[in-house]
Amino acid sequence: MKKIAHYRRSHGPNAGFSEKLAWQLSKGPATGRELAERFGITLRELNRLISSTLRRGGKTLQVAVSNPVRLSGNAIDRTYTLVRNPQRVAPQALPSMVINQGNDRSEEAIKRHRASAKRRARLIASGIYMECLVGSAVCESGHCRTNC
């Protein structure tokens, strides 16, 4: 089954806005007023939607914006131009999760760990390793066990 591009996957009231914007701008540059009229929304809503589209970095859609022009009141209008056609951009894989950052694998550390393991094995065999006995059952030989 073919995957749907990431900019088409939302289900909100403005779902597919980037795609609609790309379709309108593929016909040629347009002002904010023209686009708002085509989409049936106010200029303020259009500016909010386009600013959120531009803020995302233009991974799927790149739009060039002209300098703002003040209209009557507090309205601001710009001319929008399509720089590059939309492309499907797959998200990057997350880096592998590091569980133990203090995992020391140097030669010195390996020798130290092996020496402590030998010491533990000797103490367990003699039956005097106390960490082993705390909270677990002990069999006849004195070794730790959980299920015998």
C-alpha atoms as a PDB file:
ATOM      1  CA  MET A   1       0.000   0.000   0.000  1.00  0.00           C
ATOM      2  CA  LYS A   2       1.354   3.406  -0.941  1.00  0.00           C
ATOM      3  CA  LYS A   3       2.176   5.691   1.988  1.00  0.00           C
ATOM      4  CA  ILE A   4       0.470   9.062   2.139  1.00  0.00           C
ATOM      5  CA  ALA A   5       2.841  12.033   2.310  1.00  0.00           C
ATOM      6  CA  HIS A   6       3.361  13.461   5.794  1.00  0.00           C
ATOM      7  CA  TYR A   7       1.831  16.843   4.994  1.00  0.00           C
ATOM      8  CA  ARG A   8      -1.465  15.082   4.126  1.00  0.00           C
ATOM      9  CA  ARG A   9      -1.908  13.084   7.342  1.00  0.00           C
ATOM     10  CA  SER A  10      -3.709  15.513   9.663  1.00  0.00           C
ATOM     11  CA  HIS A  11      -7.438  15.307  10.256  1.00  0.00           C
ATOM     12  CA  GLY A  12      -8.116  18.794  11.659  1.00  0.00           C
ATOM     13  CA  PRO A  13     -10.276  21.561  10.229  1.00  0.00           C
ATOM     14  CA  ASN A  14      -7.349  22.809   8.122  1.00  0.00           C
ATOM     15  CA  ALA A  15      -6.251  19.365   6.971  1.00  0.00           C
ATOM     16  CA  GLY A  16      -4.331  19.469   3.724  1.00  0.00           C
ATOM     17  CA  PHE A  17      -3.698  23.214   3.873  1.00  0.00           C
ATOM     18  CA  SER A  18      -0.111  22.847   2.631  1.00  0.00           C
ATOM     19  CA  GLU A  19      -1.297  20.778  -0.304  1.00  0.00           C
ATOM     20  CA  LYS A  20      -4.054  23.283  -1.144  1.00  0.00           C
ATOM     21  CA  LEU A  21      -1.540  26.116  -0.862  1.00  0.00           C
ATOM     22  CA  ALA A  22       0.893  24.341  -3.197  1.00  0.00           C
ATOM     23  CA  TRP A  23      -1.886  23.693  -5.691  1.00  0.00           C
ATOM     24  CA  GLN A  24      -2.943  27.367  -5.713  1.00  0.00           C
ATOM     25  CA  LEU A  25       0.620  28.684  -5.910  1.00  0.00           C
ATOM     26  CA  SER A  26       1.529  26.269  -8.709  1.00  0.00           C
ATOM     27  CA  LYS A  27      -0.708  28.409 -10.926  1.00  0.00           C
ATOM     28  CA  GLY A  28       1.487  31.438 -10.160  1.00  0.00           C
ATOM     29  CA  PRO A  29       2.267  33.928  -7.388  1.00  0.00           C
ATOM     30  CA  ALA A  30      -0.702  35.178  -5.368  1.00  0.00           C
ATOM     31  CA  THR A  31      -1.335  37.747  -2.673  1.00  0.00           C
ATOM     32  CA  GLY A  32      -2.707  36.854   0.728  1.00  0.00           C
ATOM     33  CA  ARG A  33      -6.079  38.436  -0.093  1.00  0.00           C
ATOM     34  CA  GLU A  34      -6.441  36.339  -3.261  1.00  0.00           C
ATOM     35  CA  LEU A  35      -5.544  33.144  -1.413  1.00  0.00           C
ATOM     36  CA  ALA A  36      -7.905  33.940   1.476  1.00  0.00           C
ATOM     37  CA  GLU A  37     -10.712  34.503  -1.009  1.00  0.00           C
ATOM     38  CA  ARG A  38      -9.976  31.208  -2.802  1.00  0.00           C
ATOM     39  CA  PHE A  39      -9.873  29.233   0.472  1.00  0.00           C
ATOM     40  CA  GLY A  40     -12.938  30.991   1.923  1.00  0.00           C
ATOM     41  CA  ILE A  41     -11.152  32.191   5.082  1.00  0.00           C
ATOM     42  CA  THR A  42     -10.167  35.577   6.449  1.00  0.00           C
ATOM     43  CA  LEU A  43      -6.791  37.174   5.757  1.00  0.00           C
ATOM     44  CA  ARG A  44      -5.894  36.876   9.451  1.00  0.00           C
ATOM     45  CA  GLU A  45      -6.562  33.106   9.423  1.00  0.00           C
ATOM     46  CA  LEU A  46      -4.559  32.732   6.216  1.00  0.00           C
ATOM     47  CA  ASN A  47      -1.587  34.606   7.703  1.00  0.00           C
ATOM     48  CA  ARG A  48      -1.705  32.370  10.789  1.00  0.00           C
ATOM     49  CA  LEU A  49      -1.846  29.159   8.731  1.00  0.00           C
ATOM     50  CA  ILE A  50       0.903  30.224   6.338  1.00  0.00           C
ATOM     51  CA  SER A  51       3.165  31.403   9.153  1.00  0.00           C
ATOM     52  CA  SER A  52       2.855  27.989  10.818  1.00  0.00           C
ATOM     53  CA  THR A  53       3.618  26.353   7.454  1.00  0.00           C
ATOM     54  CA  LEU A  54       6.694  28.561   6.963  1.00  0.00           C
ATOM     55  CA  ARG A  55       7.849  28.049  10.560  1.00  0.00           C
ATOM     56  CA  ARG A  56       8.154  24.286  10.040  1.00  0.00           C
ATOM     57  CA  GLY A  57      11.198  24.881   7.839  1.00  0.00           C
ATOM     58  CA  GLY A  58       9.789  23.992   4.442  1.00  0.00           C
ATOM     59  CA  LYS A  59      10.768  20.334   4.431  1.00  0.00           C
ATOM     60  CA  THR A  60       7.861  19.342   2.212  1.00  0.00           C
ATOM     61  CA  LEU A  61       6.836  22.693   0.779  1.00  0.00           C
ATOM     62  CA  GLN A  62       8.951  25.794   0.143  1.00  0.00           C
ATOM     63  CA  VAL A  63       7.191  29.121  -0.269  1.00  0.00           C
ATOM     64  CA  ALA A  64       8.876  32.495  -0.817  1.00  0.00           C
ATOM     65  CA  VAL A  65       7.302  35.495   0.885  1.00  0.00           C
ATOM     66  CA  SER A  66       7.579  39.120  -0.220  1.00  0.00           C
ATOM     67  CA  ASN A  67       7.916  42.085   2.128  1.00  0.00           C
ATOM     68  CA  PRO A  68       4.735  42.815   4.102  1.00  0.00           C
ATOM     69  CA  VAL A  69       2.372  45.528   2.855  1.00  0.00           C
ATOM     70  CA  ARG A  70       0.117  47.309   5.370  1.00  0.00           C
ATOM     71  CA  LEU A  71      -3.517  47.421   4.386  1.00  0.00           C
ATOM     72  CA  SER A  72      -6.293  49.430   5.980  1.00  0.00           C
ATOM     73  CA  GLY A  73      -6.511  48.751   9.708  1.00  0.00           C
ATOM     74  CA  ASN A  74      -4.051  46.257  11.151  1.00  0.00           C
ATOM     75  CA  ALA A  75      -4.120  43.830   8.209  1.00  0.00           C
ATOM     76  CA  ILE A  76      -0.857  42.784   6.566  1.00  0.00           C
ATOM     77  CA  ASP A  77      -0.660  41.328   3.075  1.00  0.00           C
ATOM     78  CA  ARG A  78       2.217  39.617   1.277  1.00  0.00           C
ATOM     79  CA  THR A  79       2.837  38.002  -2.078  1.00  0.00           C
ATOM     80  CA  TYR A  80       3.505  34.261  -1.911  1.00  0.00           C
ATOM     81  CA  THR A  81       5.454  32.310  -4.526  1.00  0.00           C
ATOM     82  CA  LEU A  82       6.067  28.574  -4.778  1.00  0.00           C
ATOM     83  CA  VAL A  83       9.840  27.952  -4.740  1.00  0.00           C
ATOM     84  CA  ARG A  84       9.843  24.158  -4.957  1.00  0.00           C
ATOM     85  CA  ASN A  85       7.099  21.621  -5.521  1.00  0.00           C
ATOM     86  CA  PRO A  86       6.113  19.586  -2.467  1.00  0.00           C
ATOM     87  CA  GLN A  87       8.241  16.530  -1.793  1.00  0.00           C
ATOM     88  CA  ARG A  88       7.624  13.612   0.493  1.00  0.00           C
ATOM     89  CA  VAL A  89      10.113  13.754   3.351  1.00  0.00           C
ATOM     90  CA  ALA A  90      10.320  10.717   5.600  1.00  0.00           C
ATOM     91  CA  PRO A  91      11.193  11.435   9.226  1.00  0.00           C
ATOM     92  CA  GLN A  92      14.726  10.572  10.271  1.00  0.00           C
ATOM     93  CA  ALA A  93      15.206   7.487  12.415  1.00  0.00           C
ATOM     94  CA  LEU A  94      15.756   8.219  16.074  1.00  0.00           C
ATOM     95  CA  PRO A  95      19.236   7.518  17.412  1.00  0.00           C
ATOM     96  CA  SER A  96      19.626   4.277  19.288  1.00  0.00           C
ATOM     97  CA  MET A  97      18.749   4.503  22.947  1.00  0.00           C
ATOM     98  CA  VAL A  98      21.703   4.332  25.306  1.00  0.00           C
ATOM     99  CA  ILE A  99      20.843   2.437  28.461  1.00  0.00           C
ATOM    100  CA  ASN A 100      24.156   2.471  30.317  1.00  0.00           C
ATOM    101  CA  GLN A 101      26.283   5.492  29.500  1.00  0.00           C
ATOM    102  CA  GLY A 102      28.867   4.567  32.127  1.00  0.00           C
ATOM    103  CA  ASN A 103      29.658   1.255  30.445  1.00  0.00           C
ATOM    104  CA  ASP A 104      33.456   1.263  30.660  1.00  0.00           C
ATOM    105  CA  ARG A 105      34.982  -1.194  28.172  1.00  0.00           C
ATOM    106  CA  SER A 106      38.658  -0.261  28.485  1.00  0.00           C
ATOM    107  CA  GLU A 107      41.270  -2.998  28.979  1.00  0.00           C
ATOM    108  CA  GLU A 108      41.911  -1.848  32.532  1.00  0.00           C
ATOM    109  CA  ALA A 109      38.213  -1.977  33.383  1.00  0.00           C
ATOM    110  CA  ILE A 110      37.833  -5.440  31.861  1.00  0.00           C
ATOM    111  CA  LYS A 111      40.731  -6.743  33.984  1.00  0.00           C
ATOM    112  CA  ARG A 112      39.237  -5.125  37.087  1.00  0.00           C
ATOM    113  CA  HIS A 113      35.781  -6.635  36.418  1.00  0.00           C
ATOM    114  CA  ARG A 114      37.229 -10.105  35.778  1.00  0.00           C
ATOM    115  CA  ALA A 115      39.244  -9.955  39.013  1.00  0.00           C
ATOM    116  CA  SER A 116      36.171  -8.955  41.022  1.00  0.00           C
ATOM    117  CA  ALA A 117      34.143 -11.731  39.341  1.00  0.00           C
ATOM    118  CA  LYS A 118      36.798 -14.319  40.297  1.00  0.00           C
ATOM    119  CA  ARG A 119      36.788 -13.001  43.868  1.00  0.00           C
ATOM    120  CA  ARG A 120      32.986 -13.219  44.019  1.00  0.00           C
ATOM    121  CA  ALA A 121      33.014 -16.752  42.624  1.00  0.00           C
ATOM    122  CA  ARG A 122      35.600 -17.821  45.242  1.00  0.00           C
ATOM    123  CA  LEU A 123      33.580 -16.239  48.087  1.00  0.00           C
ATOM    124  CA  ILE A 124      30.326 -17.783  46.862  1.00  0.00           C
ATOM    125  CA  ALA A 125      31.983 -21.203  46.615  1.00  0.00           C
ATOM    126  CA  SER A 126      33.261 -20.901  50.183  1.00  0.00           C
ATOM    127  CA  GLY A 127      29.790 -19.756  51.365  1.00  0.00           C
ATOM    128  CA  ILE A 128      30.871 -16.414  52.881  1.00  0.00           C
ATOM    129  CA  TYR A 129      29.614 -14.029  50.191  1.00  0.00           C
ATOM    130  CA  MET A 130      26.878 -12.186  52.111  1.00  0.00           C
ATOM    131  CA  GLU A 131      25.309 -10.186  49.248  1.00  0.00           C
ATOM    132  CA  CYS A 132      24.424 -13.475  47.697  1.00  0.00           C
ATOM    133  CA  LEU A 133      22.545 -14.683  50.770  1.00  0.00           C
ATOM    134  CA  VAL A 134      20.406 -11.594  51.361  1.00  0.00           C
ATOM    135  CA  GLY A 135      16.881 -11.921  49.979  1.00  0.00           C
ATOM    136  CA  SER A 136      17.329 -15.271  48.230  1.00  0.00           C
ATOM    137  CA  ALA A 137      17.117 -18.949  49.070  1.00  0.00           C
ATOM    138  CA  VAL A 138      20.351 -20.861  49.635  1.00  0.00           C
ATOM    139  CA  CYS A 139      20.821 -24.437  48.536  1.00  0.00           C
ATOM    140  CA  GLU A 140      22.932 -27.088  50.328  1.00  0.00           C
ATOM    141  CA  SER A 141      26.142 -26.163  48.523  1.00  0.00           C
ATOM    142  CA  GLY A 142      25.894 -22.522  49.680  1.00  0.00           C
ATOM    143  CA  HIS A 143      25.398 -21.056  46.207  1.00  0.00           C
ATOM    144  CA  CYS A 144      22.670 -18.561  45.324  1.00  0.00           C
ATOM    145  CA  ARG A 145      19.643 -19.917  43.606  1.00  0.00           C
ATOM    146  CA  THR A 146      16.210 -18.765  42.681  1.00  0.00           C
ATOM    147  CA  ASN A 147      14.601 -21.963  41.437  1.00  0.00           C
ATOM    148  CA  CYS A 148      16.053 -25.398  42.279  1.00  0.00           C
END
